[in-house]
Amino acid sequence: MKTFVQLKLFATLANHTPENADRYPVSPGSTIKNLLDSLNIPLSEAKLIFVNNVRVGPEAVIFGGERIGIFPPVGGG
C-alpha cells in the first residue's frame, strides 16, 4: 500500500524534484535512504534532511503524511 509525503528539494537538488512532489508516493516503513534512491540522489548529496521540521538521518523511517526537506552541502566564502 502506498501513502504520500510532501517533498521539497533545495538548491542544486531542485532539479531532482518530481512533478508529484506535493504527493510523492512512498511505501510505509521505508527510509529516507530508500526515498533518495527512488529520486536518484546520492546519499553524499543530501547533507541536511528534515522530516516535519526535525533534522534526521538517512535511516529515518517514513510512514506517509510527512513533510520532507532535503538540502545539499552548501559552500561559501
N, C-alpha and C. Protein backbone atom coordinates (compact mmCIF):
# COMPACT_ATOMS: atom_id res chain seq x y z
N MET A 1 0.84 -1.19 0.00
CA MET A 1 0.00 0.00 0.00
C MET A 1 0.88 1.24 0.00
N LYS A 2 0.56 2.17 -0.86
CA LYS A 2 1.33 3.41 -0.95
C LYS A 2 0.63 4.51 -0.18
N THR A 3 1.44 5.34 0.45
CA THR A 3 0.96 6.58 1.04
C THR A 3 1.79 7.69 0.41
N PHE A 4 1.60 8.91 0.87
CA PHE A 4 2.25 10.04 0.21
C PHE A 4 2.95 10.94 1.21
N VAL A 5 4.02 11.60 0.74
CA VAL A 5 4.72 12.62 1.51
C VAL A 5 4.77 13.89 0.67
N GLN A 6 4.99 15.02 1.34
CA GLN A 6 5.27 16.27 0.65
C GLN A 6 6.78 16.41 0.61
N LEU A 7 7.31 16.65 -0.56
CA LEU A 7 8.75 16.64 -0.77
C LEU A 7 9.22 17.99 -1.28
N LYS A 8 10.28 18.52 -0.66
CA LYS A 8 10.87 19.78 -1.11
C LYS A 8 12.38 19.59 -1.17
N LEU A 9 12.93 19.79 -2.37
CA LEU A 9 14.37 19.68 -2.59
C LEU A 9 14.93 21.07 -2.87
N PHE A 10 16.03 21.40 -2.23
CA PHE A 10 16.55 22.76 -2.28
C PHE A 10 17.85 22.86 -3.08
N ALA A 11 18.11 24.07 -3.55
CA ALA A 11 19.35 24.46 -4.25
C ALA A 11 19.65 23.50 -5.40
N THR A 12 20.84 22.91 -5.41
CA THR A 12 21.24 22.07 -6.55
C THR A 12 20.44 20.78 -6.65
N LEU A 13 19.71 20.42 -5.60
CA LEU A 13 18.88 19.21 -5.66
C LEU A 13 17.52 19.47 -6.30
N ALA A 14 17.18 20.72 -6.51
CA ALA A 14 15.86 21.07 -7.05
C ALA A 14 15.58 20.41 -8.40
N ASN A 15 16.64 20.17 -9.17
CA ASN A 15 16.42 19.54 -10.48
C ASN A 15 15.98 18.08 -10.37
N HIS A 16 16.03 17.51 -9.17
CA HIS A 16 15.54 16.15 -8.93
C HIS A 16 14.08 16.14 -8.49
N THR A 17 13.47 17.31 -8.35
CA THR A 17 12.10 17.39 -7.84
C THR A 17 11.12 16.78 -8.85
N PRO A 18 10.37 15.77 -8.41
CA PRO A 18 9.38 15.17 -9.32
C PRO A 18 8.15 16.06 -9.45
N GLU A 19 7.39 15.87 -10.52
CA GLU A 19 6.18 16.66 -10.73
C GLU A 19 5.17 16.46 -9.61
N ASN A 20 5.16 15.29 -9.02
CA ASN A 20 4.20 14.97 -7.97
C ASN A 20 4.79 15.16 -6.57
N ALA A 21 5.68 16.13 -6.40
CA ALA A 21 6.37 16.35 -5.14
C ALA A 21 5.42 16.65 -3.97
N ASP A 22 4.26 17.23 -4.27
CA ASP A 22 3.29 17.50 -3.20
C ASP A 22 2.60 16.23 -2.70
N ARG A 23 2.60 15.19 -3.51
CA ARG A 23 2.00 13.89 -3.13
C ARG A 23 2.88 12.78 -3.69
N TYR A 24 4.11 12.72 -3.19
CA TYR A 24 5.06 11.73 -3.69
C TYR A 24 4.79 10.39 -2.99
N PRO A 25 4.57 9.32 -3.76
CA PRO A 25 4.22 8.03 -3.16
C PRO A 25 5.42 7.36 -2.48
N VAL A 26 5.17 6.82 -1.29
CA VAL A 26 6.17 6.05 -0.56
C VAL A 26 5.49 4.82 0.03
N SER A 27 6.29 3.82 0.29
CA SER A 27 5.79 2.64 0.99
C SER A 27 5.97 2.87 2.49
N PRO A 28 4.91 2.73 3.28
CA PRO A 28 5.05 2.90 4.73
C PRO A 28 6.14 1.99 5.28
N GLY A 29 7.00 2.58 6.13
CA GLY A 29 8.10 1.82 6.70
C GLY A 29 9.39 1.95 5.91
N SER A 30 9.36 2.63 4.78
CA SER A 30 10.59 2.84 4.03
C SER A 30 11.42 3.92 4.73
N THR A 31 12.66 4.06 4.30
CA THR A 31 13.57 5.02 4.93
C THR A 31 13.85 6.21 4.01
N ILE A 32 14.45 7.22 4.59
CA ILE A 32 14.89 8.36 3.78
C ILE A 32 15.87 7.89 2.72
N LYS A 33 16.73 6.95 3.05
CA LYS A 33 17.68 6.40 2.06
C LYS A 33 16.92 5.78 0.89
N ASN A 34 15.84 5.04 1.16
CA ASN A 34 15.02 4.49 0.08
C ASN A 34 14.44 5.61 -0.78
N LEU A 35 13.99 6.68 -0.14
CA LEU A 35 13.44 7.83 -0.86
C LEU A 35 14.50 8.46 -1.75
N LEU A 36 15.70 8.67 -1.22
CA LEU A 36 16.79 9.24 -2.01
C LEU A 36 17.10 8.35 -3.21
N ASP A 37 17.13 7.05 -2.99
CA ASP A 37 17.40 6.11 -4.10
C ASP A 37 16.33 6.25 -5.18
N SER A 38 15.07 6.39 -4.79
CA SER A 38 13.99 6.50 -5.78
C SER A 38 14.08 7.79 -6.58
N LEU A 39 14.75 8.79 -6.01
CA LEU A 39 14.92 10.08 -6.69
C LEU A 39 16.26 10.19 -7.41
N ASN A 40 17.06 9.12 -7.36
CA ASN A 40 18.41 9.11 -7.95
C ASN A 40 19.30 10.19 -7.37
N ILE A 41 19.20 10.39 -6.05
CA ILE A 41 20.04 11.35 -5.34
C ILE A 41 21.05 10.56 -4.51
N PRO A 42 22.35 10.72 -4.79
CA PRO A 42 23.35 10.02 -3.98
C PRO A 42 23.29 10.51 -2.53
N LEU A 43 23.52 9.61 -1.60
CA LEU A 43 23.49 9.95 -0.19
C LEU A 43 24.46 11.09 0.13
N SER A 44 25.58 11.13 -0.57
CA SER A 44 26.58 12.18 -0.33
C SER A 44 26.07 13.57 -0.72
N GLU A 45 25.01 13.63 -1.52
CA GLU A 45 24.45 14.92 -1.95
C GLU A 45 23.34 15.43 -1.04
N ALA A 46 22.93 14.63 -0.08
CA ALA A 46 21.86 15.03 0.85
C ALA A 46 22.49 15.33 2.20
N LYS A 47 22.88 16.57 2.41
CA LYS A 47 23.60 16.94 3.62
C LYS A 47 22.67 17.16 4.82
N LEU A 48 21.57 17.88 4.60
CA LEU A 48 20.61 18.16 5.66
C LEU A 48 19.26 17.60 5.25
N ILE A 49 18.68 16.81 6.13
CA ILE A 49 17.37 16.19 5.86
C ILE A 49 16.45 16.51 7.02
N PHE A 50 15.29 17.04 6.70
CA PHE A 50 14.31 17.38 7.72
C PHE A 50 13.00 16.64 7.45
N VAL A 51 12.43 16.04 8.47
CA VAL A 51 11.12 15.43 8.40
C VAL A 51 10.25 16.13 9.43
N ASN A 52 9.20 16.80 8.95
CA ASN A 52 8.32 17.58 9.83
C ASN A 52 9.12 18.54 10.70
N ASN A 53 10.08 19.24 10.07
CA ASN A 53 10.91 20.27 10.70
C ASN A 53 11.89 19.74 11.74
N VAL A 54 12.15 18.44 11.76
CA VAL A 54 13.12 17.84 12.67
C VAL A 54 14.23 17.22 11.83
N ARG A 55 15.49 17.56 12.16
CA ARG A 55 16.61 17.01 11.41
C ARG A 55 16.73 15.51 11.69
N VAL A 56 16.88 14.74 10.62
CA VAL A 56 17.00 13.28 10.72
C VAL A 56 18.14 12.80 9.84
N GLY A 57 18.48 11.53 10.00
CA GLY A 57 19.48 10.89 9.16
C GLY A 57 18.81 10.03 8.10
N PRO A 58 19.61 9.44 7.23
CA PRO A 58 19.07 8.64 6.13
C PRO A 58 18.37 7.36 6.60
N GLU A 59 18.61 6.95 7.84
CA GLU A 59 17.97 5.74 8.36
C GLU A 59 16.58 5.99 8.91
N ALA A 60 16.16 7.27 8.96
CA ALA A 60 14.83 7.61 9.50
C ALA A 60 13.74 6.93 8.69
N VAL A 61 12.76 6.39 9.39
CA VAL A 61 11.65 5.67 8.77
C VAL A 61 10.50 6.65 8.51
N ILE A 62 9.90 6.53 7.33
CA ILE A 62 8.75 7.37 6.98
C ILE A 62 7.53 6.47 6.77
N PHE A 63 6.37 7.03 7.08
CA PHE A 63 5.14 6.24 7.02
C PHE A 63 4.09 6.84 6.10
N GLY A 64 4.30 8.09 5.67
CA GLY A 64 3.32 8.80 4.86
C GLY A 64 2.75 9.95 5.64
N GLY A 65 2.47 11.04 4.95
CA GLY A 65 1.93 12.23 5.59
C GLY A 65 3.00 13.21 6.04
N GLU A 66 4.26 12.82 5.97
CA GLU A 66 5.33 13.71 6.40
C GLU A 66 5.63 14.80 5.37
N ARG A 67 6.22 15.88 5.88
CA ARG A 67 6.80 16.92 5.03
C ARG A 67 8.31 16.74 5.11
N ILE A 68 8.95 16.54 3.97
CA ILE A 68 10.38 16.22 3.92
C ILE A 68 11.12 17.28 3.12
N GLY A 69 12.15 17.85 3.72
CA GLY A 69 13.01 18.81 3.06
C GLY A 69 14.43 18.28 3.01
N ILE A 70 15.06 18.39 1.84
CA ILE A 70 16.42 17.88 1.66
C ILE A 70 17.29 18.97 1.07
N PHE A 71 18.43 19.23 1.73
CA PHE A 71 19.37 20.25 1.30
C PHE A 71 20.70 19.62 0.93
N PRO A 72 21.36 20.15 -0.10
CA PRO A 72 22.69 19.66 -0.47
C PRO A 72 23.75 20.30 0.43
N PRO A 73 25.00 19.82 0.33
CA PRO A 73 26.08 20.53 1.03
C PRO A 73 26.14 21.97 0.50
N VAL A 74 26.41 22.89 1.38
CA VAL A 74 26.44 24.30 0.99
C VAL A 74 27.87 24.81 1.13
N GLY A 75 28.34 25.45 0.09
CA GLY A 75 29.68 26.04 0.13
C GLY A 75 29.55 27.56 0.15
N GLY A 76 30.57 28.19 0.55
CA GLY A 76 30.54 29.66 0.58
C GLY A 76 31.90 30.18 0.93
N GLY A 77 32.00 31.46 0.88
CA GLY A 77 33.31 32.01 1.20
C GLY A 77 33.25 33.45 1.46
